[in-house]
């Protein structure tokens, strides 16, 4: 069976488009990472970019010390904000994280107040 070059290009193009729709390729760039004062947890602020058709998202997540960073699981995010705003993180105590973010909340679409016993507070700029 002889397949034309055009048929092959069309099939590959459709295959690549389908795979991009099923699982988008996202890039995570760590902007800041700090350990809690007791050394048990790590807070990470990162920028997530999933391509030209979506906005950049700034994300904060906390993980236990000794575990590797991964930005691939949205259920672990404690804060998400669309766009490239000025966001900062700092530990106030071993179980208290403060996230400083813009005062207006139009681009904020996820804020968690407690994560695994740690209290999270938000300080608008």
PDB file of N, CA and C in Angstrom:
ATOM      1  N   UNK A   1       0.843  -1.177   0.000  1.00  0.00           N
ATOM      2  CA  UNK A   1       0.000   0.000   0.000  1.00  0.00           C
ATOM      3  C   UNK A   1       0.891   1.244   0.000  1.00  0.00           C
ATOM      4  N   UNK A   2       0.641   2.137  -0.896  1.00  0.00           N
ATOM      5  CA  UNK A   2       1.445   3.337  -1.035  1.00  0.00           C
ATOM      6  C   UNK A   2       0.690   4.521  -0.421  1.00  0.00           C
ATOM      7  N   UNK A   3       1.342   5.233   0.500  1.00  0.00           N
ATOM      8  CA  UNK A   3       0.726   6.390   1.144  1.00  0.00           C
ATOM      9  C   UNK A   3       1.394   7.634   0.587  1.00  0.00           C
ATOM     10  N   UNK A   4       0.579   8.581   0.182  1.00  0.00           N
ATOM     11  CA  UNK A   4       1.142   9.815  -0.358  1.00  0.00           C
ATOM     12  C   UNK A   4       1.734  10.653   0.764  1.00  0.00           C
ATOM     13  N   UNK A   5       2.675  11.478   0.390  1.00  0.00           N
ATOM     14  CA  UNK A   5       3.321  12.371   1.348  1.00  0.00           C
ATOM     15  C   UNK A   5       2.312  13.330   1.975  1.00  0.00           C
ATOM     16  N   UNK A   6       1.347  13.820   1.197  1.00  0.00           N
ATOM     17  CA  UNK A   6       0.315  14.719   1.703  1.00  0.00           C
ATOM     18  C   UNK A   6      -0.533  14.020   2.764  1.00  0.00           C
ATOM     19  N   UNK A   7      -0.909  12.779   2.526  1.00  0.00           N
ATOM     20  CA  UNK A   7      -1.699  12.016   3.493  1.00  0.00           C
ATOM     21  C   UNK A   7      -0.922  11.847   4.798  1.00  0.00           C
ATOM     22  N   UNK A   8       0.361  11.583   4.688  1.00  0.00           N
ATOM     23  CA  UNK A   8       1.200  11.418   5.864  1.00  0.00           C
ATOM     24  C   UNK A   8       1.272  12.720   6.678  1.00  0.00           C
ATOM     25  N   UNK A   9       1.473  13.865   6.014  1.00  0.00           N
ATOM     26  CA  UNK A   9       1.513  15.159   6.705  1.00  0.00           C
ATOM     27  C   UNK A   9       0.182  15.470   7.387  1.00  0.00           C
ATOM     28  N   UNK A  10      -0.919  15.188   6.702  1.00  0.00           N
ATOM     29  CA  UNK A  10      -2.243  15.443   7.296  1.00  0.00           C
ATOM     30  C   UNK A  10      -2.438  14.574   8.532  1.00  0.00           C
ATOM     31  N   UNK A  11      -2.082  13.308   8.429  1.00  0.00           N
ATOM     32  CA  UNK A  11      -2.244  12.389   9.562  1.00  0.00           C
ATOM     33  C   UNK A  11      -1.380  12.835  10.749  1.00  0.00           C
ATOM     34  N   UNK A  12      -0.153  13.235  10.465  1.00  0.00           N
ATOM     35  CA  UNK A  12       0.735  13.697  11.551  1.00  0.00           C
ATOM     36  C   UNK A  12       0.198  14.980  12.174  1.00  0.00           C
ATOM     37  N   UNK A  13      -0.269  15.901  11.349  1.00  0.00           N
ATOM     38  CA  UNK A  13      -0.815  17.162  11.853  1.00  0.00           C
ATOM     39  C   UNK A  13      -2.022  16.943  12.735  1.00  0.00           C
ATOM     40  N   UNK A  14      -2.923  16.070  12.322  1.00  0.00           N
ATOM     41  CA  UNK A  14      -4.107  15.756  13.118  1.00  0.00           C
ATOM     42  C   UNK A  14      -3.690  15.083  14.418  1.00  0.00           C
ATOM     43  N   UNK A  15      -2.730  14.185  14.343  1.00  0.00           N
ATOM     44  CA  UNK A  15      -2.248  13.492  15.543  1.00  0.00           C
ATOM     45  C   UNK A  15      -1.638  14.449  16.540  1.00  0.00           C
ATOM     46  N   UNK A  16      -0.812  15.391  16.060  1.00  0.00           N
ATOM     47  CA  UNK A  16      -0.190  16.360  16.959  1.00  0.00           C
ATOM     48  C   UNK A  16      -1.231  17.305  17.545  1.00  0.00           C
ATOM     49  N   UNK A  17      -2.201  17.734  16.756  1.00  0.00           N
ATOM     50  CA  UNK A  17      -3.259  18.608  17.265  1.00  0.00           C
ATOM     51  C   UNK A  17      -4.069  17.904  18.332  1.00  0.00           C
ATOM     52  N   UNK A  18      -4.377  16.638  18.102  1.00  0.00           N
ATOM     53  CA  UNK A  18      -5.163  15.875  19.063  1.00  0.00           C
ATOM     54  C   UNK A  18      -4.393  15.716  20.373  1.00  0.00           C
ATOM     55  N   UNK A  19      -3.102  15.392  20.284  1.00  0.00           N
ATOM     56  CA  UNK A  19      -2.337  15.208  21.516  1.00  0.00           C
ATOM     57  C   UNK A  19      -2.198  16.513  22.278  1.00  0.00           C
ATOM     58  N   UNK A  20      -2.118  17.632  21.569  1.00  0.00           N
ATOM     59  CA  UNK A  20      -2.033  18.928  22.243  1.00  0.00           C
ATOM     60  C   UNK A  20      -3.337  19.249  22.958  1.00  0.00           C
ATOM     61  N   UNK A  21      -4.466  18.831  22.398  1.00  0.00           N
ATOM     62  CA  UNK A  21      -5.763  19.071  23.041  1.00  0.00           C
ATOM     63  C   UNK A  21      -5.951  18.175  24.252  1.00  0.00           C
ATOM     64  N   UNK A  22      -5.440  16.974  24.192  1.00  0.00           N
ATOM     65  CA  UNK A  22      -5.618  16.026  25.283  1.00  0.00           C
ATOM     66  C   UNK A  22      -4.757  16.406  26.481  1.00  0.00           C
ATOM     67  N   UNK A  23      -3.503  16.736  26.242  1.00  0.00           N
ATOM     68  CA  UNK A  23      -2.606  17.054  27.342  1.00  0.00           C
ATOM     69  C   UNK A  23      -1.720  18.234  26.962  1.00  0.00           C
ATOM     70  N   UNK A  24      -2.103  19.453  27.370  1.00  0.00           N
ATOM     71  CA  UNK A  24      -1.304  20.610  26.994  1.00  0.00           C
ATOM     72  C   UNK A  24       0.065  20.572  27.672  1.00  0.00           C
ATOM     73  N   UNK A  25       1.042  21.084  26.982  1.00  0.00           N
ATOM     74  CA  UNK A  25       2.382  21.159  27.532  1.00  0.00           C
ATOM     75  C   UNK A  25       2.505  22.490  28.262  1.00  0.00           C
ATOM     76  N   UNK A  26       2.752  22.431  29.546  1.00  0.00           N
ATOM     77  CA  UNK A  26       2.856  23.641  30.353  1.00  0.00           C
ATOM     78  C   UNK A  26       4.272  23.780  30.893  1.00  0.00           C
ATOM     79  N   UNK A  27       4.697  25.025  30.995  1.00  0.00           N
ATOM     80  CA  UNK A  27       6.013  25.328  31.542  1.00  0.00           C
ATOM     81  C   UNK A  27       5.843  25.986  32.894  1.00  0.00           C
ATOM     82  N   UNK A  28       6.564  25.493  33.878  1.00  0.00           N
ATOM     83  CA  UNK A  28       6.548  26.067  35.222  1.00  0.00           C
ATOM     84  C   UNK A  28       7.894  26.698  35.504  1.00  0.00           C
ATOM     85  N   UNK A  29       7.884  27.986  35.874  1.00  0.00           N
ATOM     86  CA  UNK A  29       9.115  28.687  36.202  1.00  0.00           C
ATOM     87  C   UNK A  29       9.056  29.119  37.661  1.00  0.00           C
ATOM     88  N   UNK A  30       9.932  28.545  38.474  1.00  0.00           N
ATOM     89  CA  UNK A  30       9.968  28.890  39.892  1.00  0.00           C
ATOM     90  C   UNK A  30      10.496  30.316  40.036  1.00  0.00           C
ATOM     91  N   UNK A  31       9.708  31.154  40.722  1.00  0.00           N
ATOM     92  CA  UNK A  31      10.076  32.542  40.949  1.00  0.00           C
ATOM     93  C   UNK A  31      10.705  32.750  42.334  1.00  0.00           C
ATOM     94  N   UNK A  32      10.197  31.986  43.304  1.00  0.00           N
ATOM     95  CA  UNK A  32      10.714  32.095  44.668  1.00  0.00           C
ATOM     96  C   UNK A  32      10.362  30.827  45.426  1.00  0.00           C
ATOM     97  N   UNK A  33      11.279  30.382  46.258  1.00  0.00           N
ATOM     98  CA  UNK A  33      11.048  29.192  47.061  1.00  0.00           C
ATOM     99  C   UNK A  33      11.681  29.420  48.429  1.00  0.00           C
ATOM    100  N   UNK A  34      10.891  29.238  49.501  1.00  0.00           N
ATOM    101  CA  UNK A  34      11.423  29.469  50.844  1.00  0.00           C
ATOM    102  C   UNK A  34      10.974  28.364  51.804  1.00  0.00           C
ATOM    103  N   UNK A  35      11.881  27.983  52.671  1.00  0.00           N
ATOM    104  CA  UNK A  35      11.578  26.976  53.697  1.00  0.00           C
ATOM    105  C   UNK A  35      10.938  27.647  54.898  1.00  0.00           C
ATOM    106  N   UNK A  36      10.047  26.920  55.562  1.00  0.00           N
ATOM    107  CA  UNK A  36       9.432  27.434  56.790  1.00  0.00           C
ATOM    108  C   UNK A  36      10.513  27.529  57.868  1.00  0.00           C
ATOM    109  N   UNK A  37      10.306  28.393  58.877  1.00  0.00           N
ATOM    110  CA  UNK A  37      11.314  28.552  59.939  1.00  0.00           C
ATOM    111  C   UNK A  37      11.655  27.247  60.660  1.00  0.00           C
ATOM    112  N   UNK A  38      10.698  26.323  60.757  1.00  0.00           N
ATOM    113  CA  UNK A  38      10.979  25.046  61.416  1.00  0.00           C
ATOM    114  C   UNK A  38      11.565  24.014  60.447  1.00  0.00           C
ATOM    115  N   UNK A  39      11.683  24.379  59.163  1.00  0.00           N
ATOM    116  CA  UNK A  39      12.297  23.508  58.167  1.00  0.00           C
ATOM    117  C   UNK A  39      11.440  22.350  57.690  1.00  0.00           C
ATOM    118  N   UNK A  40      10.168  22.319  58.081  1.00  0.00           N
ATOM    119  CA  UNK A  40       9.312  21.184  57.725  1.00  0.00           C
ATOM    120  C   UNK A  40       8.602  21.328  56.386  1.00  0.00           C
ATOM    121  N   UNK A  41       8.436  22.565  55.914  1.00  0.00           N
ATOM    122  CA  UNK A  41       7.677  22.801  54.685  1.00  0.00           C
ATOM    123  C   UNK A  41       8.405  23.778  53.780  1.00  0.00           C
ATOM    124  N   UNK A  42       8.069  23.738  52.515  1.00  0.00           N
ATOM    125  CA  UNK A  42       8.621  24.666  51.528  1.00  0.00           C
ATOM    126  C   UNK A  42       7.460  25.307  50.776  1.00  0.00           C
ATOM    127  N   UNK A  43       7.467  26.624  50.703  1.00  0.00           N
ATOM    128  CA  UNK A  43       6.477  27.356  49.909  1.00  0.00           C
ATOM    129  C   UNK A  43       7.151  27.749  48.591  1.00  0.00           C
ATOM    130  N   UNK A  44       6.435  27.552  47.507  1.00  0.00           N
ATOM    131  CA  UNK A  44       6.966  27.870  46.181  1.00  0.00           C
ATOM    132  C   UNK A  44       5.995  28.785  45.454  1.00  0.00           C
ATOM    133  N   UNK A  45       6.531  29.879  44.930  1.00  0.00           N
ATOM    134  CA  UNK A  45       5.793  30.781  44.048  1.00  0.00           C
ATOM    135  C   UNK A  45       6.333  30.517  42.648  1.00  0.00           C
ATOM    136  N   UNK A  46       5.442  30.188  41.718  1.00  0.00           N
ATOM    137  CA  UNK A  46       5.896  29.934  40.361  1.00  0.00           C
ATOM    138  C   UNK A  46       4.907  30.463  39.337  1.00  0.00           C
ATOM    139  N   UNK A  47       5.426  30.667  38.142  1.00  0.00           N
ATOM    140  CA  UNK A  47       4.617  31.114  37.013  1.00  0.00           C
ATOM    141  C   UNK A  47       4.350  29.902  36.130  1.00  0.00           C
ATOM    142  N   UNK A  48       3.100  29.739  35.735  1.00  0.00           N
ATOM    143  CA  UNK A  48       2.708  28.595  34.899  1.00  0.00           C
ATOM    144  C   UNK A  48       2.213  29.122  33.563  1.00  0.00           C
ATOM    145  N   UNK A  49       2.803  28.626  32.487  1.00  0.00           N
ATOM    146  CA  UNK A  49       2.452  29.039  31.131  1.00  0.00           C
ATOM    147  C   UNK A  49       2.086  27.804  30.328  1.00  0.00           C
ATOM    148  N   UNK A  50       0.833  27.760  29.872  1.00  0.00           N
ATOM    149  CA  UNK A  50       0.362  26.602  29.109  1.00  0.00           C
ATOM    150  C   UNK A  50       0.139  26.928  27.637  1.00  0.00           C
ATOM    151  N   UNK A  51       0.808  27.936  27.138  1.00  0.00           N
ATOM    152  CA  UNK A  51       0.744  28.221  25.705  1.00  0.00           C
ATOM    153  C   UNK A  51       0.064  29.533  25.375  1.00  0.00           C
ATOM    154  N   UNK A  52       0.039  29.814  24.069  1.00  0.00           N
ATOM    155  CA  UNK A  52      -0.427  31.106  23.567  1.00  0.00           C
ATOM    156  C   UNK A  52      -1.915  31.356  23.780  1.00  0.00           C
ATOM    157  N   UNK A  53      -2.699  30.306  23.937  1.00  0.00           N
ATOM    158  CA  UNK A  53      -4.147  30.502  24.051  1.00  0.00           C
ATOM    159  C   UNK A  53      -4.622  30.672  25.493  1.00  0.00           C
ATOM    160  N   UNK A  54      -3.692  30.638  26.449  1.00  0.00           N
ATOM    161  CA  UNK A  54      -4.068  30.812  27.855  1.00  0.00           C
ATOM    162  C   UNK A  54      -3.190  31.888  28.491  1.00  0.00           C
ATOM    163  N   UNK A  55      -3.687  32.478  29.557  1.00  0.00           N
ATOM    164  CA  UNK A  55      -2.925  33.489  30.295  1.00  0.00           C
ATOM    165  C   UNK A  55      -1.882  32.809  31.180  1.00  0.00           C
ATOM    166  N   UNK A  56      -0.803  33.530  31.477  1.00  0.00           N
ATOM    167  CA  UNK A  56       0.125  33.078  32.504  1.00  0.00           C
ATOM    168  C   UNK A  56      -0.645  33.046  33.820  1.00  0.00           C
ATOM    169  N   UNK A  57      -0.283  32.136  34.684  1.00  0.00           N
ATOM    170  CA  UNK A  57      -0.901  32.056  36.000  1.00  0.00           C
ATOM    171  C   UNK A  57       0.217  32.030  37.027  1.00  0.00           C
ATOM    172  N   UNK A  58       0.075  32.831  38.073  1.00  0.00           N
ATOM    173  CA  UNK A  58       1.005  32.763  39.192  1.00  0.00           C
ATOM    174  C   UNK A  58       0.392  31.850  40.238  1.00  0.00           C
ATOM    175  N   UNK A  59       1.197  30.942  40.738  1.00  0.00           N
ATOM    176  CA  UNK A  59       0.712  29.894  41.634  1.00  0.00           C
ATOM    177  C   UNK A  59       1.599  29.839  42.869  1.00  0.00           C
ATOM    178  N   UNK A  60       0.976  29.568  44.021  1.00  0.00           N
ATOM    179  CA  UNK A  60       1.715  29.263  45.241  1.00  0.00           C
ATOM    180  C   UNK A  60       1.274  27.890  45.693  1.00  0.00           C
ATOM    181  N   UNK A  61       2.243  27.091  46.070  1.00  0.00           N
ATOM    182  CA  UNK A  61       1.939  25.782  46.657  1.00  0.00           C
ATOM    183  C   UNK A  61       2.897  25.537  47.798  1.00  0.00           C
ATOM    184  N   UNK A  62       2.498  24.672  48.722  1.00  0.00           N
ATOM    185  CA  UNK A  62       3.348  24.269  49.841  1.00  0.00           C
ATOM    186  C   UNK A  62       3.557  22.771  49.714  1.00  0.00           C
ATOM    187  N   UNK A  63       4.762  22.342  50.025  1.00  0.00           N
ATOM    188  CA  UNK A  63       5.046  20.906  50.052  1.00  0.00           C
ATOM    189  C   UNK A  63       5.931  20.609  51.260  1.00  0.00           C
ATOM    190  N   UNK A  64       5.989  19.376  51.633  1.00  0.00           N
ATOM    191  CA  UNK A  64       6.848  18.975  52.751  1.00  0.00           C
ATOM    192  C   UNK A  64       8.308  19.009  52.310  1.00  0.00           C
ATOM    193  N   UNK A  65       9.185  19.385  53.215  1.00  0.00           N
ATOM    194  CA  UNK A  65      10.620  19.370  52.925  1.00  0.00           C
ATOM    195  C   UNK A  65      11.040  17.953  52.552  1.00  0.00           C
ATOM    196  N   UNK A  66      11.990  17.858  51.667  1.00  0.00           N
ATOM    197  CA  UNK A  66      12.472  16.546  51.227  1.00  0.00           C
ATOM    198  C   UNK A  66      11.732  15.996  50.028  1.00  0.00           C
ATOM    199  N   UNK A  67      10.690  16.704  49.564  1.00  0.00           N
ATOM    200  CA  UNK A  67       9.972  16.267  48.367  1.00  0.00           C
ATOM    201  C   UNK A  67      10.324  17.211  47.217  1.00  0.00           C
ATOM    202  N   UNK A  68      10.266  16.697  46.010  1.00  0.00           N
ATOM    203  CA  UNK A  68      10.607  17.485  44.832  1.00  0.00           C
ATOM    204  C   UNK A  68       9.439  18.358  44.396  1.00  0.00           C
ATOM    205  N   UNK A  69       9.783  19.506  43.827  1.00  0.00           N
ATOM    206  CA  UNK A  69       8.768  20.407  43.285  1.00  0.00           C
ATOM    207  C   UNK A  69       8.161  19.829  42.015  1.00  0.00           C
ATOM    208  N   UNK A  70       6.850  19.944  41.908  1.00  0.00           N
ATOM    209  CA  UNK A  70       6.122  19.650  40.676  1.00  0.00           C
ATOM    210  C   UNK A  70       4.929  20.590  40.623  1.00  0.00           C
ATOM    211  N   UNK A  71       4.767  21.250  39.502  1.00  0.00           N
ATOM    212  CA  UNK A  71       3.639  22.160  39.339  1.00  0.00           C
ATOM    213  C   UNK A  71       2.512  21.556  38.538  1.00  0.00           C
ATOM    214  N   UNK A  72       2.532  20.257  38.346  1.00  0.00           N
ATOM    215  CA  UNK A  72       1.582  19.610  37.441  1.00  0.00           C
ATOM    216  C   UNK A  72       0.243  19.240  38.063  1.00  0.00           C
ATOM    217  N   UNK A  73       0.090  19.338  39.370  1.00  0.00           N
ATOM    218  CA  UNK A  73      -1.153  18.909  40.015  1.00  0.00           C
ATOM    219  C   UNK A  73      -1.892  20.107  40.606  1.00  0.00           C
ATOM    220  N   UNK A  74      -2.889  20.648  39.890  1.00  0.00           N
ATOM    221  CA  UNK A  74      -3.614  21.830  40.373  1.00  0.00           C
ATOM    222  C   UNK A  74      -4.315  21.643  41.726  1.00  0.00           C
ATOM    223  N   UNK A  75      -4.568  20.423  42.130  1.00  0.00           N
ATOM    224  CA  UNK A  75      -5.226  20.211  43.427  1.00  0.00           C
ATOM    225  C   UNK A  75      -4.296  20.565  44.591  1.00  0.00           C
ATOM    226  N   UNK A  76      -3.000  20.739  44.323  1.00  0.00           N
ATOM    227  CA  UNK A  76      -2.051  21.096  45.387  1.00  0.00           C
ATOM    228  C   UNK A  76      -1.811  22.600  45.475  1.00  0.00           C
ATOM    229  N   UNK A  77      -2.429  23.384  44.605  1.00  0.00           N
ATOM    230  CA  UNK A  77      -2.241  24.832  44.600  1.00  0.00           C
ATOM    231  C   UNK A  77      -3.019  25.453  45.756  1.00  0.00           C
ATOM    232  N   UNK A  78      -2.399  26.416  46.451  1.00  0.00           N
ATOM    233  CA  UNK A  78      -3.115  27.120  47.520  1.00  0.00           C
ATOM    234  C   UNK A  78      -3.517  28.529  47.083  1.00  0.00           C
ATOM    235  N   UNK A  79      -2.889  29.027  46.016  1.00  0.00           N
ATOM    236  CA  UNK A  79      -3.211  30.358  45.501  1.00  0.00           C
ATOM    237  C   UNK A  79      -2.948  30.374  43.998  1.00  0.00           C
ATOM    238  N   UNK A  80      -3.900  30.911  43.238  1.00  0.00           N
ATOM    239  CA  UNK A  80      -3.693  31.088  41.798  1.00  0.00           C
ATOM    240  C   UNK A  80      -4.251  32.440  41.383  1.00  0.00           C
ATOM    241  N   UNK A  81      -3.472  33.105  40.535  1.00  0.00           N
ATOM    242  CA  UNK A  81      -3.860  34.425  40.043  1.00  0.00           C
ATOM    243  C   UNK A  81      -3.448  34.549  38.584  1.00  0.00           C
ATOM    244  N   UNK A  82      -4.396  34.879  37.756  1.00  0.00           N
ATOM    245  CA  UNK A  82      -4.138  35.040  36.322  1.00  0.00           C
ATOM    246  C   UNK A  82      -3.345  36.309  36.073  1.00  0.00           C
ATOM    247  N   UNK A  83      -2.370  36.248  35.173  1.00  0.00           N
ATOM    248  CA  UNK A  83      -1.576  37.418  34.802  1.00  0.00           C
ATOM    249  C   UNK A  83      -0.232  37.444  35.508  1.00  0.00           C
ATOM    250  N   UNK A  84       0.519  38.488  35.220  1.00  0.00           N
ATOM    251  CA  UNK A  84       1.856  38.626  35.795  1.00  0.00           C
ATOM    252  C   UNK A  84       1.880  39.817  36.750  1.00  0.00           C
ATOM    253  N   UNK A  85       1.286  39.611  37.918  1.00  0.00           N
ATOM    254  CA  UNK A  85       1.207  40.642  38.949  1.00  0.00           C
ATOM    255  C   UNK A  85       2.342  40.469  39.947  1.00  0.00           C
ATOM    256  N   UNK A  86       2.517  41.465  40.809  1.00  0.00           N
ATOM    257  CA  UNK A  86       3.512  41.385  41.867  1.00  0.00           C
ATOM    258  C   UNK A  86       2.938  40.562  43.011  1.00  0.00           C
ATOM    259  N   UNK A  87       3.460  39.353  43.185  1.00  0.00           N
ATOM    260  CA  UNK A  87       3.047  38.448  44.255  1.00  0.00           C
ATOM    261  C   UNK A  87       4.308  38.065  45.023  1.00  0.00           C
ATOM    262  N   UNK A  88       4.189  37.946  46.342  1.00  0.00           N
ATOM    263  CA  UNK A  88       5.335  37.542  47.149  1.00  0.00           C
ATOM    264  C   UNK A  88       4.862  36.601  48.250  1.00  0.00           C
ATOM    265  N   UNK A  89       5.789  35.824  48.777  1.00  0.00           N
ATOM    266  CA  UNK A  89       5.482  34.881  49.864  1.00  0.00           C
ATOM    267  C   UNK A  89       6.510  35.039  50.971  1.00  0.00           C
ATOM    268  N   UNK A  90       6.049  34.812  52.219  1.00  0.00           N
ATOM    269  CA  UNK A  90       6.980  34.778  53.351  1.00  0.00           C
ATOM    270  C   UNK A  90       6.336  34.015  54.499  1.00  0.00           C
ATOM    271  N   UNK A  91       7.171  33.301  55.216  1.00  0.00           N
ATOM    272  CA  UNK A  91       6.713  32.592  56.395  1.00  0.00           C
ATOM    273  C   UNK A  91       6.732  33.545  57.585  1.00  0.00           C
ATOM    274  N   UNK A  92       5.633  33.612  58.317  1.00  0.00           N
ATOM    275  CA  UNK A  92       5.564  34.400  59.546  1.00  0.00           C
ATOM    276  C   UNK A  92       5.957  33.536  60.739  1.00  0.00           C
ATOM    277  N   UNK A  93       5.743  32.233  60.612  1.00  0.00           N
ATOM    278  CA  UNK A  93       6.082  31.227  61.633  1.00  0.00           C
ATOM    279  C   UNK A  93       6.107  29.875  60.922  1.00  0.00           C
ATOM    280  N   UNK A  94       6.457  28.824  61.645  1.00  0.00           N
ATOM    281  CA  UNK A  94       6.526  27.490  61.047  1.00  0.00           C
ATOM    282  C   UNK A  94       5.216  27.007  60.465  1.00  0.00           C
ATOM    283  N   UNK A  95       4.111  27.568  60.953  1.00  0.00           N
ATOM    284  CA  UNK A  95       2.798  27.140  60.476  1.00  0.00           C
ATOM    285  C   UNK A  95       1.965  28.310  59.940  1.00  0.00           C
ATOM    286  N   UNK A  96       2.632  29.403  59.560  1.00  0.00           N
ATOM    287  CA  UNK A  96       1.913  30.573  59.038  1.00  0.00           C
ATOM    288  C   UNK A  96       2.627  31.144  57.815  1.00  0.00           C
ATOM    289  N   UNK A  97       1.953  31.104  56.679  1.00  0.00           N
ATOM    290  CA  UNK A  97       2.487  31.659  55.433  1.00  0.00           C
ATOM    291  C   UNK A  97       1.668  32.884  55.051  1.00  0.00           C
ATOM    292  N   UNK A  98       2.359  33.939  54.650  1.00  0.00           N
ATOM    293  CA  UNK A  98       1.671  35.132  54.161  1.00  0.00           C
ATOM    294  C   UNK A  98       1.944  35.288  52.664  1.00  0.00           C
ATOM    295  N   UNK A  99       0.873  35.517  51.913  1.00  0.00           N
ATOM    296  CA  UNK A  99       0.973  35.772  50.477  1.00  0.00           C
ATOM    297  C   UNK A  99       0.573  37.216  50.245  1.00  0.00           C
ATOM    298  N   UNK A 100       1.493  38.001  49.715  1.00  0.00           N
ATOM    299  CA  UNK A 100       1.217  39.394  49.390  1.00  0.00           C
ATOM    300  C   UNK A 100       0.842  39.444  47.923  1.00  0.00           C
ATOM    301  N   UNK A 101      -0.296  40.077  47.646  1.00  0.00           N
ATOM    302  CA  UNK A 101      -0.813  40.125  46.280  1.00  0.00           C
ATOM    303  C   UNK A 101      -1.572  41.422  46.061  1.00  0.00           C
ATOM    304  N   UNK A 102      -1.849  41.775  44.796  1.00  0.00           N
ATOM    305  CA  UNK A 102      -2.598  43.011  44.532  1.00  0.00           C
ATOM    306  C   UNK A 102      -3.933  43.030  45.269  1.00  0.00           C
ATOM    307  N   UNK A 103      -4.390  44.222  45.583  1.00  0.00           N
ATOM    308  CA  UNK A 103      -5.622  44.384  46.356  1.00  0.00           C
ATOM    309  C   UNK A 103      -6.858  43.933  45.587  1.00  0.00           C
ATOM    310  N   UNK A 104      -6.911  44.247  44.299  1.00  0.00           N
ATOM    311  CA  UNK A 104      -8.088  43.859  43.512  1.00  0.00           C
ATOM    312  C   UNK A 104      -8.068  42.361  43.272  1.00  0.00           C
ATOM    313  N   UNK A 105      -9.226  41.781  43.270  1.00  0.00           N
ATOM    314  CA  UNK A 105      -9.318  40.325  43.224  1.00  0.00           C
ATOM    315  C   UNK A 105      -9.870  39.788  41.906  1.00  0.00           C
ATOM    316  N   UNK A 106      -9.978  40.616  40.893  1.00  0.00           N
ATOM    317  CA  UNK A 106     -10.566  40.167  39.628  1.00  0.00           C
ATOM    318  C   UNK A 106      -9.813  39.000  38.999  1.00  0.00           C
ATOM    319  N   UNK A 107      -8.490  38.986  39.104  1.00  0.00           N
ATOM    320  CA  UNK A 107      -7.692  37.933  38.493  1.00  0.00           C
ATOM    321  C   UNK A 107      -7.392  36.772  39.426  1.00  0.00           C
ATOM    322  N   UNK A 108      -7.816  36.863  40.680  1.00  0.00           N
ATOM    323  CA  UNK A 108      -7.581  35.781  41.641  1.00  0.00           C
ATOM    324  C   UNK A 108      -8.718  34.781  41.525  1.00  0.00           C
ATOM    325  N   UNK A 109      -8.360  33.513  41.314  1.00  0.00           N
ATOM    326  CA  UNK A 109      -9.444  32.543  41.231  1.00  0.00           C
ATOM    327  C   UNK A 109      -9.282  31.361  42.174  1.00  0.00           C
ATOM    328  N   UNK A 110      -8.298  31.419  43.081  1.00  0.00           N
ATOM    329  CA  UNK A 110      -8.196  30.344  44.071  1.00  0.00           C
ATOM    330  C   UNK A 110      -7.361  30.832  45.251  1.00  0.00           C
ATOM    331  N   UNK A 111      -7.928  30.798  46.454  1.00  0.00           N
ATOM    332  CA  UNK A 111      -7.218  31.118  47.688  1.00  0.00           C
ATOM    333  C   UNK A 111      -7.620  30.124  48.754  1.00  0.00           C
ATOM    334  N   UNK A 112      -6.639  29.475  49.356  1.00  0.00           N
ATOM    335  CA  UNK A 112      -6.874  28.514  50.427  1.00  0.00           C
ATOM    336  C   UNK A 112      -6.412  29.169  51.725  1.00  0.00           C
ATOM    337  N   UNK A 113      -7.140  28.963  52.815  1.00  0.00           N
ATOM    338  CA  UNK A 113      -6.795  29.581  54.093  1.00  0.00           C
ATOM    339  C   UNK A 113      -6.015  28.664  55.039  1.00  0.00           C
ATOM    340  N   UNK A 114      -6.085  27.351  54.806  1.00  0.00           N
ATOM    341  CA  UNK A 114      -5.358  26.384  55.630  1.00  0.00           C
ATOM    342  C   UNK A 114      -4.873  25.254  54.735  1.00  0.00           C
ATOM    343  N   UNK A 115      -3.618  24.846  54.932  1.00  0.00           N
ATOM    344  CA  UNK A 115      -3.071  23.693  54.218  1.00  0.00           C
ATOM    345  C   UNK A 115      -2.282  22.855  55.200  1.00  0.00           C
ATOM    346  N   UNK A 116      -2.719  21.643  55.442  1.00  0.00           N
ATOM    347  CA  UNK A 116      -2.019  20.688  56.294  1.00  0.00           C
ATOM    348  C   UNK A 116      -1.571  21.323  57.614  1.00  0.00           C
ATOM    349  N   UNK A 117      -2.479  22.041  58.249  1.00  0.00           N
ATOM    350  CA  UNK A 117      -2.187  22.657  59.545  1.00  0.00           C
ATOM    351  C   UNK A 117      -1.538  24.028  59.463  1.00  0.00           C
ATOM    352  N   UNK A 118      -1.126  24.439  58.279  1.00  0.00           N
ATOM    353  CA  UNK A 118      -0.520  25.775  58.124  1.00  0.00           C
ATOM    354  C   UNK A 118      -1.601  26.779  57.753  1.00  0.00           C
ATOM    355  N   UNK A 119      -1.593  27.910  58.447  1.00  0.00           N
ATOM    356  CA  UNK A 119      -2.546  28.984  58.148  1.00  0.00           C
ATOM    357  C   UNK A 119      -1.949  29.874  57.066  1.00  0.00           C
ATOM    358  N   UNK A 120      -2.783  30.237  56.112  1.00  0.00           N
ATOM    359  CA  UNK A 120      -2.338  31.107  55.024  1.00  0.00           C
ATOM    360  C   UNK A 120      -3.119  32.409  55.122  1.00  0.00           C
ATOM    361  N   UNK A 121      -2.395  33.509  55.181  1.00  0.00           N
ATOM    362  CA  UNK A 121      -3.041  34.825  55.193  1.00  0.00           C
ATOM    363  C   UNK A 121      -2.657  35.567  53.933  1.00  0.00           C
ATOM    364  N   UNK A 122      -3.513  36.529  53.570  1.00  0.00           N
ATOM    365  CA  UNK A 122      -3.321  37.302  52.343  1.00  0.00           C
ATOM    366  C   UNK A 122      -3.219  38.773  52.693  1.00  0.00           C
ATOM    367  N   UNK A 123      -2.165  39.411  52.184  1.00  0.00           N
ATOM    368  CA  UNK A 123      -1.929  40.817  52.457  1.00  0.00           C
ATOM    369  C   UNK A 123      -2.002  41.570  51.121  1.00  0.00           C
ATOM    370  N   UNK A 124      -3.094  42.292  50.902  1.00  0.00           N
ATOM    371  CA  UNK A 124      -3.202  43.059  49.659  1.00  0.00           C
ATOM    372  C   UNK A 124      -2.183  44.190  49.618  1.00  0.00           C
ATOM    373  N   UNK A 125      -1.698  44.499  48.427  1.00  0.00           N
ATOM    374  CA  UNK A 125      -0.758  45.617  48.245  1.00  0.00           C
ATOM    375  C   UNK A 125      -1.536  46.857  47.927  1.00  0.00           C
TER     376      UNK A 125
END
